[in-house]
Amino acid sequence: TLDRQFEVDAPDRVWVTDITSIRTHEGWSYLAVVIDLFSRRVVGWSMQSRMTTDLALQALLSAVWRRKPKHRVMIHSDQGSQFTGKEWQSFLGKHYLDASMSRRGNCHDNAVAESFFHLLKRERIRRRTYTTRDAARQDVFDYIEMFYNPTRKHTNNGMLSPIDYETEQRKMNEASV
């Protein structure tokens, strides 16, 4: 459904989600994110020691809780088992979310999530192996909540951070009303 339409004219219309792995001495830690295509803001995320449907649902639940969307939201994912089961579909139905999925082997529709993971790994993780899963979670929290969302500039946002871009767009909309 998304069909690589990455430009969105309002927040909470289209979200993308995906999962990546992060190495720790305790074993892999998995990070699921939900990103709003409007501003490229990470609106929900979760980290767990297993890559399960619950991991994806916790990230999506945090996005719904945080944003409280007033309209239906398209949520785009790949065809991973975390995004195709009954639990996922039930959650979408109960929270007025519309599913969109890439065709098999087509990662281009999820380029925004993949780009975020690339930035996280290049700017923060850099081949690091964290001592513990808690240390990895704390560093990811710091990156997302203290740097990426409030500070990191994006060309897509006219060189504003995701939070600043949303604030500016809200002010412009209020001024035009």
C-alpha atoms as a PDB file:
ATOM      1  CA  THR A   1       0.000   0.000   0.000  1.00  0.00           C
ATOM      2  CA  LEU A   2       2.799   2.445   0.840  1.00  0.00           C
ATOM      3  CA  ASP A   3       4.406   2.027  -2.598  1.00  0.00           C
ATOM      4  CA  ARG A   4       7.460   4.133  -1.660  1.00  0.00           C
ATOM      5  CA  GLN A   5       5.389   7.264  -1.005  1.00  0.00           C
ATOM      6  CA  PHE A   6       7.671   8.628   1.700  1.00  0.00           C
ATOM      7  CA  GLU A   7       6.443  12.226   1.639  1.00  0.00           C
ATOM      8  CA  VAL A   8       3.519  12.644   4.021  1.00  0.00           C
ATOM      9  CA  ASP A   9       1.732  15.958   4.604  1.00  0.00           C
ATOM     10  CA  ALA A  10       0.680  15.492   8.242  1.00  0.00           C
ATOM     11  CA  PRO A  11       1.851  13.634  11.336  1.00  0.00           C
ATOM     12  CA  ASP A  12       0.342  10.301  12.333  1.00  0.00           C
ATOM     13  CA  ARG A  13      -0.830   9.355   8.846  1.00  0.00           C
ATOM     14  CA  VAL A  14       1.874   6.815   7.916  1.00  0.00           C
ATOM     15  CA  TRP A  15       4.251   4.996  10.227  1.00  0.00           C
ATOM     16  CA  VAL A  16       6.920   2.466   9.262  1.00  0.00           C
ATOM     17  CA  THR A  17       8.271  -0.246  11.533  1.00  0.00           C
ATOM     18  CA  ASP A  18      11.164  -2.683  11.486  1.00  0.00           C
ATOM     19  CA  ILE A  19      13.531  -4.631  13.731  1.00  0.00           C
ATOM     20  CA  THR A  20      17.326  -4.774  13.971  1.00  0.00           C
ATOM     21  CA  SER A  21      19.785  -6.637  16.164  1.00  0.00           C
ATOM     22  CA  ILE A  22      22.402  -5.230  18.524  1.00  0.00           C
ATOM     23  CA  ARG A  23      25.264  -7.322  19.888  1.00  0.00           C
ATOM     24  CA  THR A  24      25.871  -7.640  23.629  1.00  0.00           C
ATOM     25  CA  HIS A  25      28.030  -9.958  25.725  1.00  0.00           C
ATOM     26  CA  GLU A  26      24.776 -11.409  27.104  1.00  0.00           C
ATOM     27  CA  GLY A  27      23.612 -12.271  23.570  1.00  0.00           C
ATOM     28  CA  TRP A  28      21.679 -10.397  20.914  1.00  0.00           C
ATOM     29  CA  SER A  29      19.299  -7.600  21.804  1.00  0.00           C
ATOM     30  CA  TYR A  30      16.577  -6.696  19.316  1.00  0.00           C
ATOM     31  CA  LEU A  31      15.296  -3.185  18.677  1.00  0.00           C
ATOM     32  CA  ALA A  32      11.915  -2.527  17.079  1.00  0.00           C
ATOM     33  CA  VAL A  33      11.100   1.040  16.040  1.00  0.00           C
ATOM     34  CA  VAL A  34       8.045   2.867  14.734  1.00  0.00           C
ATOM     35  CA  ILE A  35       8.853   5.981  12.698  1.00  0.00           C
ATOM     36  CA  ASP A  36       6.428   8.677  11.550  1.00  0.00           C
ATOM     37  CA  LEU A  37       7.126   9.388   7.869  1.00  0.00           C
ATOM     38  CA  PHE A  38       5.977  13.006   8.263  1.00  0.00           C
ATOM     39  CA  SER A  39       8.952  14.072  10.382  1.00  0.00           C
ATOM     40  CA  ARG A  40      11.081  10.900  10.556  1.00  0.00           C
ATOM     41  CA  ARG A  41      10.524  10.945  14.323  1.00  0.00           C
ATOM     42  CA  VAL A  42      10.850   7.667  16.223  1.00  0.00           C
ATOM     43  CA  VAL A  43       7.415   7.624  17.850  1.00  0.00           C
ATOM     44  CA  GLY A  44       7.724   4.202  19.454  1.00  0.00           C
ATOM     45  CA  TRP A  45      10.421   1.659  20.203  1.00  0.00           C
ATOM     46  CA  SER A  46      11.101  -1.439  22.242  1.00  0.00           C
ATOM     47  CA  MET A  47      14.117  -3.631  23.005  1.00  0.00           C
ATOM     48  CA  GLN A  48      14.008  -7.269  24.069  1.00  0.00           C
ATOM     49  CA  SER A  49      16.243 -10.324  24.087  1.00  0.00           C
ATOM     50  CA  ARG A  50      14.050 -12.154  21.545  1.00  0.00           C
ATOM     51  CA  MET A  51      12.720 -11.109  18.160  1.00  0.00           C
ATOM     52  CA  THR A  52       9.045 -11.879  18.735  1.00  0.00           C
ATOM     53  CA  THR A  53       5.657 -10.427  17.890  1.00  0.00           C
ATOM     54  CA  ASP A  54       5.609  -8.985  21.424  1.00  0.00           C
ATOM     55  CA  LEU A  55       8.710  -6.927  20.618  1.00  0.00           C
ATOM     56  CA  ALA A  56       6.968  -5.371  17.603  1.00  0.00           C
ATOM     57  CA  LEU A  57       3.707  -4.901  19.502  1.00  0.00           C
ATOM     58  CA  GLN A  58       5.444  -3.136  22.404  1.00  0.00           C
ATOM     59  CA  ALA A  59       7.027  -0.650  19.981  1.00  0.00           C
ATOM     60  CA  LEU A  60       3.675  -0.074  18.287  1.00  0.00           C
ATOM     61  CA  LEU A  61       1.866   0.219  21.628  1.00  0.00           C
ATOM     62  CA  SER A  62       4.341   2.876  22.746  1.00  0.00           C
ATOM     63  CA  ALA A  63       3.709   4.786  19.479  1.00  0.00           C
ATOM     64  CA  VAL A  64      -0.065   4.623  19.919  1.00  0.00           C
ATOM     65  CA  TRP A  65       0.206   5.605  23.587  1.00  0.00           C
ATOM     66  CA  ARG A  66       2.582   8.480  22.855  1.00  0.00           C
ATOM     67  CA  ARG A  67       0.853   9.905  19.795  1.00  0.00           C
ATOM     68  CA  LYS A  68      -2.812   9.057  20.410  1.00  0.00           C
ATOM     69  CA  PRO A  69      -3.648   9.400  16.700  1.00  0.00           C
ATOM     70  CA  LYS A  70      -6.998  10.973  15.898  1.00  0.00           C
ATOM     71  CA  HIS A  71      -7.250   9.412  12.418  1.00  0.00           C
ATOM     72  CA  ARG A  72      -6.492   6.001  10.937  1.00  0.00           C
ATOM     73  CA  VAL A  73      -2.749   5.437  10.561  1.00  0.00           C
ATOM     74  CA  MET A  74      -1.143   3.252   7.906  1.00  0.00           C
ATOM     75  CA  ILE A  75       1.581   1.112   9.490  1.00  0.00           C
ATOM     76  CA  HIS A  76       4.082  -0.270   6.987  1.00  0.00           C
ATOM     77  CA  SER A  77       6.324  -3.259   7.692  1.00  0.00           C
ATOM     78  CA  ASP A  78       8.111  -6.040   5.909  1.00  0.00           C
ATOM     79  CA  GLN A  79       6.651  -9.554   5.868  1.00  0.00           C
ATOM     80  CA  GLY A  80       8.517 -10.762   8.947  1.00  0.00           C
ATOM     81  CA  SER A  81       6.578 -13.208  11.099  1.00  0.00           C
ATOM     82  CA  GLN A  82       6.316 -10.539  13.825  1.00  0.00           C
ATOM     83  CA  PHE A  83       4.089  -8.479  11.485  1.00  0.00           C
ATOM     84  CA  THR A  84       1.932 -11.180   9.896  1.00  0.00           C
ATOM     85  CA  GLY A  85       0.375 -13.082  12.797  1.00  0.00           C
ATOM     86  CA  LYS A  86      -3.073 -12.905  14.354  1.00  0.00           C
ATOM     87  CA  GLU A  87      -1.845 -10.947  17.393  1.00  0.00           C
ATOM     88  CA  TRP A  88      -0.433  -8.184  15.152  1.00  0.00           C
ATOM     89  CA  GLN A  89      -3.553  -8.040  12.983  1.00  0.00           C
ATOM     90  CA  SER A  90      -5.816  -7.974  16.047  1.00  0.00           C
ATOM     91  CA  PHE A  91      -3.837  -5.106  17.586  1.00  0.00           C
ATOM     92  CA  LEU A  92      -4.059  -3.130  14.333  1.00  0.00           C
ATOM     93  CA  GLY A  93      -7.813  -3.626  14.167  1.00  0.00           C
ATOM     94  CA  LYS A  94      -8.380  -2.539  17.771  1.00  0.00           C
ATOM     95  CA  HIS A  95      -6.288   0.634  17.358  1.00  0.00           C
ATOM     96  CA  TYR A  96      -7.539   1.811  13.931  1.00  0.00           C
ATOM     97  CA  LEU A  97      -4.269   1.050  12.176  1.00  0.00           C
ATOM     98  CA  ASP A  98      -4.152  -0.089   8.548  1.00  0.00           C
ATOM     99  CA  ALA A  99      -1.509  -2.649   7.573  1.00  0.00           C
ATOM    100  CA  SER A 100       0.818  -2.142   4.616  1.00  0.00           C
ATOM    101  CA  MET A 101       3.539  -4.654   3.728  1.00  0.00           C
ATOM    102  CA  SER A 102       6.368  -4.868   1.259  1.00  0.00           C
ATOM    103  CA  ARG A 103       6.412  -7.597  -1.329  1.00  0.00           C
ATOM    104  CA  ARG A 104       8.759 -10.459  -0.473  1.00  0.00           C
ATOM    105  CA  GLY A 105      12.393  -9.502  -0.964  1.00  0.00           C
ATOM    106  CA  ASN A 106      11.535  -5.815  -1.533  1.00  0.00           C
ATOM    107  CA  CYS A 107      13.195  -3.743   1.173  1.00  0.00           C
ATOM    108  CA  HIS A 108      12.798  -0.392  -0.619  1.00  0.00           C
ATOM    109  CA  ASP A 109       9.384   0.392   0.911  1.00  0.00           C
ATOM    110  CA  ASN A 110      11.005   0.207   4.336  1.00  0.00           C
ATOM    111  CA  ALA A 111      13.946   2.426   3.382  1.00  0.00           C
ATOM    112  CA  VAL A 112      13.184   4.994   6.092  1.00  0.00           C
ATOM    113  CA  ALA A 113      13.422   2.423   8.893  1.00  0.00           C
ATOM    114  CA  GLU A 114      16.528   0.889   7.316  1.00  0.00           C
ATOM    115  CA  SER A 115      18.061   4.367   7.059  1.00  0.00           C
ATOM    116  CA  PHE A 116      17.387   5.003  10.750  1.00  0.00           C
ATOM    117  CA  PHE A 117      19.103   1.724  11.705  1.00  0.00           C
ATOM    118  CA  HIS A 118      22.071   2.645   9.506  1.00  0.00           C
ATOM    119  CA  LEU A 119      22.380   6.029  11.286  1.00  0.00           C
ATOM    120  CA  LEU A 120      22.067   4.441  14.729  1.00  0.00           C
ATOM    121  CA  LYS A 121      24.777   1.928  13.965  1.00  0.00           C
ATOM    122  CA  ARG A 122      27.076   4.424  12.237  1.00  0.00           C
ATOM    123  CA  GLU A 123      26.656   7.312  14.675  1.00  0.00           C
ATOM    124  CA  ARG A 124      26.351   5.443  17.962  1.00  0.00           C
ATOM    125  CA  ILE A 125      26.986   1.713  17.961  1.00  0.00           C
ATOM    126  CA  ARG A 126      29.979   1.575  15.530  1.00  0.00           C
ATOM    127  CA  ARG A 127      30.767  -2.153  15.796  1.00  0.00           C
ATOM    128  CA  ARG A 128      30.483  -1.960  19.573  1.00  0.00           C
ATOM    129  CA  THR A 129      29.527  -4.973  21.632  1.00  0.00           C
ATOM    130  CA  TYR A 130      27.749  -3.824  24.785  1.00  0.00           C
ATOM    131  CA  THR A 131      28.566  -5.522  28.075  1.00  0.00           C
ATOM    132  CA  THR A 132      24.888  -6.026  28.965  1.00  0.00           C
ATOM    133  CA  ARG A 133      21.492  -5.726  27.320  1.00  0.00           C
ATOM    134  CA  ASP A 134      20.679  -2.983  29.831  1.00  0.00           C
ATOM    135  CA  ALA A 135      23.733  -1.007  28.689  1.00  0.00           C
ATOM    136  CA  ALA A 136      22.602  -1.370  25.074  1.00  0.00           C
ATOM    137  CA  ARG A 137      19.052  -0.268  25.973  1.00  0.00           C
ATOM    138  CA  GLN A 138      20.348   2.800  27.853  1.00  0.00           C
ATOM    139  CA  ASP A 139      22.566   3.816  24.928  1.00  0.00           C
ATOM    140  CA  VAL A 140      19.732   3.345  22.430  1.00  0.00           C
ATOM    141  CA  PHE A 141      17.443   5.392  24.694  1.00  0.00           C
ATOM    142  CA  ASP A 142      20.046   8.142  24.803  1.00  0.00           C
ATOM    143  CA  TYR A 143      20.456   8.098  21.023  1.00  0.00           C
ATOM    144  CA  ILE A 144      16.731   8.153  20.201  1.00  0.00           C
ATOM    145  CA  GLU A 145      15.287  10.325  22.959  1.00  0.00           C
ATOM    146  CA  MET A 146      18.193  12.672  23.705  1.00  0.00           C
ATOM    147  CA  PHE A 147      19.797  13.049  20.262  1.00  0.00           C
ATOM    148  CA  TYR A 148      17.936  11.696  17.223  1.00  0.00           C
ATOM    149  CA  ASN A 149      14.411  13.035  17.888  1.00  0.00           C
ATOM    150  CA  PRO A 150      15.272  16.411  19.474  1.00  0.00           C
ATOM    151  CA  THR A 151      18.605  17.306  17.853  1.00  0.00           C
ATOM    152  CA  ARG A 152      19.621  15.369  14.737  1.00  0.00           C
ATOM    153  CA  LYS A 153      18.977  17.429  11.625  1.00  0.00           C
ATOM    154  CA  HIS A 154      17.375  15.868   8.529  1.00  0.00           C
ATOM    155  CA  THR A 155      17.472  17.110   4.962  1.00  0.00           C
ATOM    156  CA  ASN A 156      13.910  15.792   4.618  1.00  0.00           C
ATOM    157  CA  ASN A 157      12.897  18.268   7.358  1.00  0.00           C
ATOM    158  CA  GLY A 158      14.659  21.320   5.934  1.00  0.00           C
ATOM    159  CA  MET A 159      17.605  20.640   8.252  1.00  0.00           C
ATOM    160  CA  LEU A 160      15.434  20.568  11.374  1.00  0.00           C
ATOM    161  CA  SER A 161      15.290  17.762  13.916  1.00  0.00           C
ATOM    162  CA  PRO A 162      12.117  15.658  13.899  1.00  0.00           C
ATOM    163  CA  ILE A 163      10.751  17.417  16.997  1.00  0.00           C
ATOM    164  CA  ASP A 164      11.625  20.898  15.697  1.00  0.00           C
ATOM    165  CA  TYR A 165      10.072  20.089  12.318  1.00  0.00           C
ATOM    166  CA  GLU A 166       6.813  18.969  13.927  1.00  0.00           C
ATOM    167  CA  THR A 167       6.785  22.090  16.119  1.00  0.00           C
ATOM    168  CA  GLU A 168       7.371  24.403  13.134  1.00  0.00           C
ATOM    169  CA  GLN A 169       4.700  22.673  11.046  1.00  0.00           C
ATOM    170  CA  ARG A 170       2.197  22.899  13.929  1.00  0.00           C
ATOM    171  CA  LYS A 171       2.909  26.648  14.312  1.00  0.00           C
ATOM    172  CA  MET A 172       2.473  27.206  10.564  1.00  0.00           C
ATOM    173  CA  ASN A 173      -0.833  25.312  10.591  1.00  0.00           C
ATOM    174  CA  GLU A 174      -2.109  27.267  13.588  1.00  0.00           C
ATOM    175  CA  ALA A 175      -1.125  30.573  11.960  1.00  0.00           C
ATOM    176  CA  SER A 176      -3.001  29.693   8.759  1.00  0.00           C
ATOM    177  CA  VAL A 177      -6.243  28.876  10.606  1.00  0.00           C
END
